[in-house]
PDB file of N, CA and C in Angstrom:
ATOM      1  N   MET A   1      10.532  -0.673 -12.084  1.00  0.00           N
ATOM      2  CA  MET A   1       9.227  -1.342 -11.621  1.00  0.00           C
ATOM      3  C   MET A   1       8.168  -0.139 -11.440  1.00  0.00           C
ATOM      4  N   GLY A   2       6.997  -0.309 -12.073  1.00  0.00           N
ATOM      5  CA  GLY A   2       5.999   0.674 -11.927  1.00  0.00           C
ATOM      6  C   GLY A   2       5.209   0.546 -10.566  1.00  0.00           C
ATOM      7  N   GLU A   3       4.624   1.715 -10.172  1.00  0.00           N
ATOM      8  CA  GLU A   3       3.942   1.636  -8.939  1.00  0.00           C
ATOM      9  C   GLU A   3       2.495   1.103  -9.234  1.00  0.00           C
ATOM     10  N   CYS A   4       1.900   0.429  -8.392  1.00  0.00           N
ATOM     11  CA  CYS A   4       0.497  -0.190  -8.718  1.00  0.00           C
ATOM     12  C   CYS A   4      -0.228  -0.413  -7.382  1.00  0.00           C
ATOM     13  N   ILE A   5      -1.510  -0.434  -7.509  1.00  0.00           N
ATOM     14  CA  ILE A   5      -2.439  -0.820  -6.385  1.00  0.00           C
ATOM     15  C   ILE A   5      -3.215  -1.831  -6.978  1.00  0.00           C
ATOM     16  N   GLU A   6      -3.411  -2.963  -6.143  1.00  0.00           N
ATOM     17  CA  GLU A   6      -4.268  -4.097  -6.537  1.00  0.00           C
ATOM     18  C   GLU A   6      -5.320  -4.257  -5.417  1.00  0.00           C
ATOM     19  N   ILE A   7      -6.459  -4.501  -5.978  1.00  0.00           N
ATOM     20  CA  ILE A   7      -7.522  -4.727  -4.913  1.00  0.00           C
ATOM     21  C   ILE A   7      -8.228  -6.104  -5.204  1.00  0.00           C
ATOM     22  N   GLU A   8      -8.333  -6.748  -4.027  1.00  0.00           N
ATOM     23  CA  GLU A   8      -8.969  -8.195  -4.170  1.00  0.00           C
ATOM     24  C   GLU A   8     -10.242  -8.272  -3.212  1.00  0.00           C
ATOM     25  N   LYS A   9     -11.113  -9.005  -3.629  1.00  0.00           N
ATOM     26  CA  LYS A   9     -12.242  -9.409  -2.728  1.00  0.00           C
ATOM     27  C   LYS A   9     -11.812 -10.391  -1.690  1.00  0.00           C
ATOM     28  N   ALA A  10     -12.078 -10.322  -0.513  1.00  0.00           N
ATOM     29  CA  ALA A  10     -11.757 -11.185   0.651  1.00  0.00           C
ATOM     30  C   ALA A  10     -13.051 -11.686   1.180  1.00  0.00           C
ATOM     31  N   GLU A  11     -13.013 -12.749   1.985  1.00  0.00           N
ATOM     32  CA  GLU A  11     -14.194 -13.207   2.737  1.00  0.00           C
ATOM     33  C   GLU A  11     -14.764 -12.222   3.555  1.00  0.00           C
ATOM     34  N   ASN A  12     -13.920 -11.366   4.254  1.00  0.00           N
ATOM     35  CA  ASN A  12     -14.546 -10.461   5.127  1.00  0.00           C
ATOM     36  C   ASN A  12     -14.359  -8.983   4.737  1.00  0.00           C
ATOM     37  N   GLY A  13     -14.172  -8.725   3.445  1.00  0.00           N
ATOM     38  CA  GLY A  13     -14.062  -7.402   2.939  1.00  0.00           C
ATOM     39  C   GLY A  13     -13.288  -7.344   1.665  1.00  0.00           C
ATOM     40  N   TYR A  14     -12.153  -6.471   1.654  1.00  0.00           N
ATOM     41  CA  TYR A  14     -11.294  -6.225   0.537  1.00  0.00           C
ATOM     42  C   TYR A  14      -9.874  -6.034   0.903  1.00  0.00           C
ATOM     43  N   ILE A  15      -9.035  -6.564   0.126  1.00  0.00           N
ATOM     44  CA  ILE A  15      -7.539  -6.372   0.369  1.00  0.00           C
ATOM     45  C   ILE A  15      -7.077  -5.448  -0.687  1.00  0.00           C
ATOM     46  N   VAL A  16      -6.348  -4.407  -0.166  1.00  0.00           N
ATOM     47  CA  VAL A  16      -5.662  -3.463  -1.033  1.00  0.00           C
ATOM     48  C   VAL A  16      -4.174  -3.819  -0.920  1.00  0.00           C
ATOM     49  N   GLU A  17      -3.585  -3.956  -2.064  1.00  0.00           N
ATOM     50  CA  GLU A  17      -2.001  -4.383  -2.121  1.00  0.00           C
ATOM     51  C   GLU A  17      -1.267  -3.275  -2.709  1.00  0.00           C
ATOM     52  N   VAL A  18      -0.172  -2.924  -2.033  1.00  0.00           N
ATOM     53  CA  VAL A  18       0.726  -1.841  -2.688  1.00  0.00           C
ATOM     54  C   VAL A  18       2.118  -2.311  -2.381  1.00  0.00           C
ATOM     55  N   HIS A  19       2.991  -2.004  -3.464  1.00  0.00           N
ATOM     56  CA  HIS A  19       4.499  -2.429  -3.288  1.00  0.00           C
ATOM     57  C   HIS A  19       5.168  -1.483  -2.316  1.00  0.00           C
ATOM     58  N   ASP A  20       6.067  -1.999  -1.500  1.00  0.00           N
ATOM     59  CA  ASP A  20       6.931  -1.250  -0.555  1.00  0.00           C
ATOM     60  C   ASP A  20       8.210  -0.947  -1.225  1.00  0.00           C
ATOM     61  N   PRO A  21       8.420   0.348  -1.716  1.00  0.00           N
ATOM     62  CA  PRO A  21       9.642   0.635  -2.502  1.00  0.00           C
ATOM     63  C   PRO A  21      10.917   0.228  -1.756  1.00  0.00           C
ATOM     64  N   LYS A  22      11.044   0.361  -0.522  1.00  0.00           N
ATOM     65  CA  LYS A  22      12.318   0.020   0.252  1.00  0.00           C
ATOM     66  C   LYS A  22      12.594  -1.457   0.039  1.00  0.00           C
ATOM     67  N   ILE A  23      11.598  -2.282   0.120  1.00  0.00           N
ATOM     68  CA  ILE A  23      11.761  -3.669  -0.062  1.00  0.00           C
ATOM     69  C   ILE A  23      12.228  -4.041  -1.501  1.00  0.00           C
ATOM     70  N   VAL A  24      11.551  -3.391  -2.412  1.00  0.00           N
ATOM     71  CA  VAL A  24      11.822  -3.582  -3.821  1.00  0.00           C
ATOM     72  C   VAL A  24      13.318  -3.398  -4.089  1.00  0.00           C
ATOM     73  N   ARG A  25      13.835  -2.189  -3.508  1.00  0.00           N
ATOM     74  CA  ARG A  25      15.136  -1.837  -3.694  1.00  0.00           C
ATOM     75  C   ARG A  25      16.097  -2.787  -3.138  1.00  0.00           C
ATOM     76  N   GLU A  26      15.857  -3.323  -1.854  1.00  0.00           N
ATOM     77  CA  GLU A  26      16.631  -4.272  -1.174  1.00  0.00           C
ATOM     78  C   GLU A  26      16.667  -5.748  -2.056  1.00  0.00           C
ATOM     79  N   ASN A  27      15.587  -5.939  -2.518  1.00  0.00           N
ATOM     80  CA  ASN A  27      15.423  -7.259  -3.403  1.00  0.00           C
ATOM     81  C   ASN A  27      16.412  -7.065  -4.642  1.00  0.00           C
ATOM     82  N   GLN A  28      16.517  -5.953  -5.116  1.00  0.00           N
ATOM     83  CA  GLN A  28      17.380  -5.752  -6.293  1.00  0.00           C
ATOM     84  C   GLN A  28      18.926  -5.693  -6.172  1.00  0.00           C
ATOM     85  N   LYS A  29      19.322  -5.686  -4.865  1.00  0.00           N
ATOM     86  CA  LYS A  29      20.692  -5.653  -4.455  1.00  0.00           C
ATOM     87  C   LYS A  29      21.184  -7.098  -4.678  1.00  0.00           C
ATOM     88  N   SER A  30      22.394  -7.194  -5.197  1.00  0.00           N
ATOM     89  CA  SER A  30      23.190  -8.445  -5.483  1.00  0.00           C
ATOM     90  C   SER A  30      23.360  -9.156  -4.080  1.00  0.00           C
ATOM     91  N   GLY A  31      23.007 -10.331  -4.002  1.00  0.00           N
ATOM     92  CA  GLY A  31      23.305 -11.231  -2.899  1.00  0.00           C
ATOM     93  C   GLY A  31      22.300 -10.938  -1.693  1.00  0.00           C
ATOM     94  N   ALA A  32      21.305 -10.067  -1.923  1.00  0.00           N
ATOM     95  CA  ALA A  32      20.388  -9.838  -0.944  1.00  0.00           C
ATOM     96  C   ALA A  32      19.221 -10.858  -0.911  1.00  0.00           C
ATOM     97  N   GLY A  33      18.861 -11.344   0.249  1.00  0.00           N
ATOM     98  CA  GLY A  33      17.773 -12.313   0.242  1.00  0.00           C
ATOM     99  C   GLY A  33      16.493 -11.639  -0.163  1.00  0.00           C
ATOM    100  N   TRP A  34      15.661 -12.306  -0.771  1.00  0.00           N
ATOM    101  CA  TRP A  34      14.269 -11.810  -1.283  1.00  0.00           C
ATOM    102  C   TRP A  34      13.312 -11.849  -0.224  1.00  0.00           C
ATOM    103  N   ARG A  35      12.577 -10.603  -0.247  1.00  0.00           N
ATOM    104  CA  ARG A  35      11.357 -10.499   0.629  1.00  0.00           C
ATOM    105  C   ARG A  35      10.271 -10.050  -0.057  1.00  0.00           C
ATOM    106  N   ASP A  36       9.046 -10.383   0.237  1.00  0.00           N
ATOM    107  CA  ASP A  36       7.769 -10.037  -0.435  1.00  0.00           C
ATOM    108  C   ASP A  36       7.649  -8.448  -0.280  1.00  0.00           C
ATOM    109  N   PRO A  37       7.671  -7.707  -1.404  1.00  0.00           N
ATOM    110  CA  PRO A  37       7.533  -6.264  -1.299  1.00  0.00           C
ATOM    111  C   PRO A  37       6.194  -5.776  -1.124  1.00  0.00           C
ATOM    112  N   ASP A  38       5.122  -6.625  -1.156  1.00  0.00           N
ATOM    113  CA  ASP A  38       3.777  -6.297  -1.049  1.00  0.00           C
ATOM    114  C   ASP A  38       3.265  -6.039   0.281  1.00  0.00           C
ATOM    115  N   ARG A  39       2.593  -4.931   0.505  1.00  0.00           N
ATOM    116  CA  ARG A  39       1.917  -4.604   1.741  1.00  0.00           C
ATOM    117  C   ARG A  39       0.402  -4.694   1.644  1.00  0.00           C
ATOM    118  N   TYR A  40      -0.225  -5.198   2.472  1.00  0.00           N
ATOM    119  CA  TYR A  40      -1.576  -5.527   2.391  1.00  0.00           C
ATOM    120  C   TYR A  40      -2.379  -4.736   3.496  1.00  0.00           C
ATOM    121  N   PHE A  41      -3.499  -4.151   2.969  1.00  0.00           N
ATOM    122  CA  PHE A  41      -4.423  -3.437   3.829  1.00  0.00           C
ATOM    123  C   PHE A  41      -5.814  -4.088   3.781  1.00  0.00           C
ATOM    124  N   LEU A  42      -6.391  -4.434   4.924  1.00  0.00           N
ATOM    125  CA  LEU A  42      -7.746  -5.118   4.823  1.00  0.00           C
ATOM    126  C   LEU A  42      -8.759  -4.026   5.235  1.00  0.00           C
ATOM    127  N   PHE A  43      -9.873  -3.936   4.361  1.00  0.00           N
ATOM    128  CA  PHE A  43     -11.052  -3.053   4.747  1.00  0.00           C
ATOM    129  C   PHE A  43     -12.208  -3.873   4.650  1.00  0.00           C
ATOM    130  N   ASN A  44     -13.175  -3.663   5.517  1.00  0.00           N
ATOM    131  CA  ASN A  44     -14.438  -4.493   5.759  1.00  0.00           C
ATOM    132  C   ASN A  44     -15.508  -3.941   4.762  1.00  0.00           C
ATOM    133  N   THR A  45     -15.248  -2.813   4.239  1.00  0.00           N
ATOM    134  CA  THR A  45     -16.440  -2.209   3.362  1.00  0.00           C
ATOM    135  C   THR A  45     -15.693  -1.583   2.169  1.00  0.00           C
ATOM    136  N   TRP A  46     -16.470  -1.590   1.007  1.00  0.00           N
ATOM    137  CA  TRP A  46     -16.087  -0.866  -0.092  1.00  0.00           C
ATOM    138  C   TRP A  46     -15.834   0.432   0.039  1.00  0.00           C
ATOM    139  N   GLU A  47     -16.669   1.114   0.830  1.00  0.00           N
ATOM    140  CA  GLU A  47     -16.561   2.558   1.103  1.00  0.00           C
ATOM    141  C   GLU A  47     -15.158   2.896   1.878  1.00  0.00           C
ATOM    142  N   LYS A  48     -14.786   2.033   2.623  1.00  0.00           N
ATOM    143  CA  LYS A  48     -13.419   2.174   3.179  1.00  0.00           C
ATOM    144  C   LYS A  48     -12.231   2.122   2.136  1.00  0.00           C
ATOM    145  N   VAL A  49     -12.310   1.171   1.245  1.00  0.00           N
ATOM    146  CA  VAL A  49     -11.390   1.070   0.192  1.00  0.00           C
ATOM    147  C   VAL A  49     -11.433   2.328  -0.542  1.00  0.00           C
ATOM    148  N   VAL A  50     -12.514   2.975  -0.927  1.00  0.00           N
ATOM    149  CA  VAL A  50     -12.589   4.168  -1.653  1.00  0.00           C
ATOM    150  C   VAL A  50     -12.051   5.246  -0.935  1.00  0.00           C
ATOM    151  N   GLU A  51     -12.330   5.323   0.354  1.00  0.00           N
ATOM    152  CA  GLU A  51     -11.860   6.450   1.238  1.00  0.00           C
ATOM    153  C   GLU A  51     -10.170   6.337   1.317  1.00  0.00           C
ATOM    154  N   PHE A  52      -9.747   5.144   1.415  1.00  0.00           N
ATOM    155  CA  PHE A  52      -8.253   4.909   1.329  1.00  0.00           C
ATOM    156  C   PHE A  52      -7.698   5.335   0.001  1.00  0.00           C
ATOM    157  N   LEU A  53      -8.264   5.017  -1.040  1.00  0.00           N
ATOM    158  CA  LEU A  53      -7.793   5.419  -2.363  1.00  0.00           C
ATOM    159  C   LEU A  53      -7.832   6.853  -2.491  1.00  0.00           C
ATOM    160  N   ARG A  54      -8.936   7.513  -2.099  1.00  0.00           N
ATOM    161  CA  ARG A  54      -9.028   8.913  -2.188  1.00  0.00           C
ATOM    162  C   ARG A  54      -8.078   9.622  -1.384  1.00  0.00           C
ATOM    163  N   LYS A  55      -7.598   9.137  -0.270  1.00  0.00           N
ATOM    164  CA  LYS A  55      -6.546   9.732   0.536  1.00  0.00           C
ATOM    165  C   LYS A  55      -5.246   9.517  -0.050  1.00  0.00           C
ATOM    166  N   ASN A  56      -5.005   8.491  -0.608  1.00  0.00           N
ATOM    167  CA  ASN A  56      -3.604   8.038  -0.900  1.00  0.00           C
ATOM    168  C   ASN A  56      -3.308   7.712  -2.401  1.00  0.00           C
ATOM    169  N   GLY A  57      -4.283   7.596  -3.268  1.00  0.00           N
ATOM    170  CA  GLY A  57      -4.094   7.384  -4.711  1.00  0.00           C
ATOM    171  C   GLY A  57      -3.285   8.437  -5.346  1.00  0.00           C
ATOM    172  N   ASP A  58      -3.625   9.622  -5.110  1.00  0.00           N
ATOM    173  CA  ASP A  58      -2.770  10.895  -5.768  1.00  0.00           C
ATOM    174  C   ASP A  58      -1.388  10.762  -5.220  1.00  0.00           C
ATOM    175  N   LYS A  59      -1.178  10.482  -3.929  1.00  0.00           N
ATOM    176  CA  LYS A  59       0.154  10.430  -3.409  1.00  0.00           C
ATOM    177  C   LYS A  59       0.915   9.480  -4.164  1.00  0.00           C
ATOM    178  N   LEU A  60       0.418   8.258  -4.328  1.00  0.00           N
ATOM    179  CA  LEU A  60       1.289   7.108  -4.833  1.00  0.00           C
ATOM    180  C   LEU A  60       1.477   7.255  -6.313  1.00  0.00           C
ATOM    181  N   PHE A  61       0.678   7.900  -7.143  1.00  0.00           N
ATOM    182  CA  PHE A  61       0.912   8.050  -8.549  1.00  0.00           C
ATOM    183  C   PHE A  61       1.315   9.521  -8.777  1.00  0.00           C
ATOM    184  N   ALA A  62       1.638  10.339  -7.923  1.00  0.00           N
ATOM    185  CA  ALA A  62       2.120  11.661  -8.250  1.00  0.00           C
ATOM    186  C   ALA A  62       3.514  11.584  -8.866  1.00  0.00           C
ATOM    187  N   GLU A  63       3.948  12.571  -9.522  1.00  0.00           N
ATOM    188  CA  GLU A  63       5.399  12.766  -9.971  1.00  0.00           C
ATOM    189  C   GLU A  63       6.036  13.026  -8.681  1.00  0.00           C
ATOM    190  N   GLY A  64       7.273  12.584  -8.548  1.00  0.00           N
ATOM    191  CA  GLY A  64       8.071  12.851  -7.420  1.00  0.00           C
ATOM    192  C   GLY A  64       8.424  11.676  -6.601  1.00  0.00           C
ATOM    193  N   ASP A  65       8.592  11.797  -5.389  1.00  0.00           N
ATOM    194  CA  ASP A  65       9.005  10.804  -4.579  1.00  0.00           C
ATOM    195  C   ASP A  65       8.041   9.770  -3.916  1.00  0.00           C
ATOM    196  N   TYR A  66       8.017   8.616  -4.591  1.00  0.00           N
ATOM    197  CA  TYR A  66       7.121   7.524  -4.350  1.00  0.00           C
ATOM    198  C   TYR A  66       7.370   6.984  -2.889  1.00  0.00           C
ATOM    199  N   ASP A  67       8.712   7.052  -2.525  1.00  0.00           N
ATOM    200  CA  ASP A  67       9.023   6.386  -1.259  1.00  0.00           C
ATOM    201  C   ASP A  67       8.445   7.267  -0.118  1.00  0.00           C
ATOM    202  N   ALA A  68       8.487   8.555  -0.264  1.00  0.00           N
ATOM    203  CA  ALA A  68       7.983   9.426   0.771  1.00  0.00           C
ATOM    204  C   ALA A  68       6.389   9.327   0.873  1.00  0.00           C
ATOM    205  N   ALA A  69       5.787   9.272  -0.280  1.00  0.00           N
ATOM    206  CA  ALA A  69       4.362   9.086  -0.348  1.00  0.00           C
ATOM    207  C   ALA A  69       3.896   7.769   0.206  1.00  0.00           C
ATOM    208  N   PHE A  70       4.676   6.672   0.054  1.00  0.00           N
ATOM    209  CA  PHE A  70       4.343   5.352   0.491  1.00  0.00           C
ATOM    210  C   PHE A  70       4.418   5.420   1.988  1.00  0.00           C
ATOM    211  N   LYS A  71       5.534   6.021   2.593  1.00  0.00           N
ATOM    212  CA  LYS A  71       5.660   6.144   4.053  1.00  0.00           C
ATOM    213  C   LYS A  71       4.524   6.876   4.674  1.00  0.00           C
ATOM    214  N   ALA A  72       4.038   7.929   4.064  1.00  0.00           N
ATOM    215  CA  ALA A  72       2.960   8.812   4.567  1.00  0.00           C
ATOM    216  C   ALA A  72       1.674   7.889   4.555  1.00  0.00           C
ATOM    217  N   MET A  73       1.542   7.152   3.437  1.00  0.00           N
ATOM    218  CA  MET A  73       0.251   6.423   3.265  1.00  0.00           C
ATOM    219  C   MET A  73       0.236   5.395   4.489  1.00  0.00           C
ATOM    220  N   VAL A  74       1.305   4.632   4.629  1.00  0.00           N
ATOM    221  CA  VAL A  74       1.343   3.646   5.614  1.00  0.00           C
ATOM    222  C   VAL A  74       1.082   4.123   6.982  1.00  0.00           C
ATOM    223  N   ALA A  75       1.685   5.385   7.320  1.00  0.00           N
ATOM    224  CA  ALA A  75       1.527   6.062   8.559  1.00  0.00           C
ATOM    225  C   ALA A  75       0.041   6.390   8.850  1.00  0.00           C
ATOM    226  N   GLU A  76      -0.672   6.955   7.808  1.00  0.00           N
ATOM    227  CA  GLU A  76      -2.007   7.239   7.869  1.00  0.00           C
ATOM    228  C   GLU A  76      -2.937   6.019   8.118  1.00  0.00           C
ATOM    229  N   ALA A  77      -2.534   5.041   7.367  1.00  0.00           N
ATOM    230  CA  ALA A  77      -3.461   3.697   7.451  1.00  0.00           C
ATOM    231  C   ALA A  77      -3.237   3.189   8.883  1.00  0.00           C
ATOM    232  N   LYS A  78      -2.101   3.305   9.511  1.00  0.00           N
ATOM    233  CA  LYS A  78      -1.954   2.768  10.855  1.00  0.00           C
ATOM    234  C   LYS A  78      -2.731   3.573  11.804  1.00  0.00           C
ATOM    235  N   ASP A  79      -2.800   4.841  11.577  1.00  0.00           N
ATOM    236  CA  ASP A  79      -3.582   5.713  12.435  1.00  0.00           C
ATOM    237  C   ASP A  79      -5.073   5.383  12.353  1.00  0.00           C
ATOM    238  N   ASP A  80      -5.560   4.924  11.150  1.00  0.00           N
ATOM    239  CA  ASP A  80      -6.804   4.653  10.909  1.00  0.00           C
ATOM    240  C   ASP A  80      -7.302   3.214  11.367  1.00  0.00           C
ATOM    241  N   GLU A  81      -6.303   2.390  11.729  1.00  0.00           N
ATOM    242  CA  GLU A  81      -6.635   0.968  12.168  1.00  0.00           C
ATOM    243  C   GLU A  81      -7.522   1.093  13.327  1.00  0.00           C
ATOM    244  N   GLY A  82      -7.564   1.954  14.111  1.00  0.00           N
ATOM    245  CA  GLY A  82      -8.512   2.073  15.226  1.00  0.00           C
ATOM    246  C   GLY A  82     -10.116   2.015  14.786  1.00  0.00           C
ATOM    247  N   ASP A  83     -10.151   2.390  13.412  1.00  0.00           N
ATOM    248  CA  ASP A  83     -11.540   2.280  12.886  1.00  0.00           C
ATOM    249  C   ASP A  83     -11.916   0.864  12.722  1.00  0.00           C
ATOM    250  N   ASP A  84     -13.076   0.693  12.010  1.00  0.00           N
ATOM    251  CA  ASP A  84     -13.512  -0.678  11.702  1.00  0.00           C
ATOM    252  C   ASP A  84     -12.908  -1.182  10.340  1.00  0.00           C
ATOM    253  N   GLY A  85     -11.928  -0.516   9.786  1.00  0.00           N
ATOM    254  CA  GLY A  85     -11.259  -0.859   8.530  1.00  0.00           C
ATOM    255  C   GLY A  85      -9.880  -1.099   8.771  1.00  0.00           C
TER     256      GLY A  85
END
């Protein structure tokens, strides 16, 4: 499965969708129950989306450990939730 980022327009801003690699692996195990691997981040302005992508886009598409980059991105996004995005 390739890594991807999807952006959708929402009523109150924008939704950025990213696959959680840990859930993807769990879904691939035989006999494991399926869970939605998509993580959603809501931003109320396009500028916040661009800021998020600038901070995290290179991490997610860089050669190397996607899992570690994903965890770092989620941690940073949680830290930023105190903002208006």
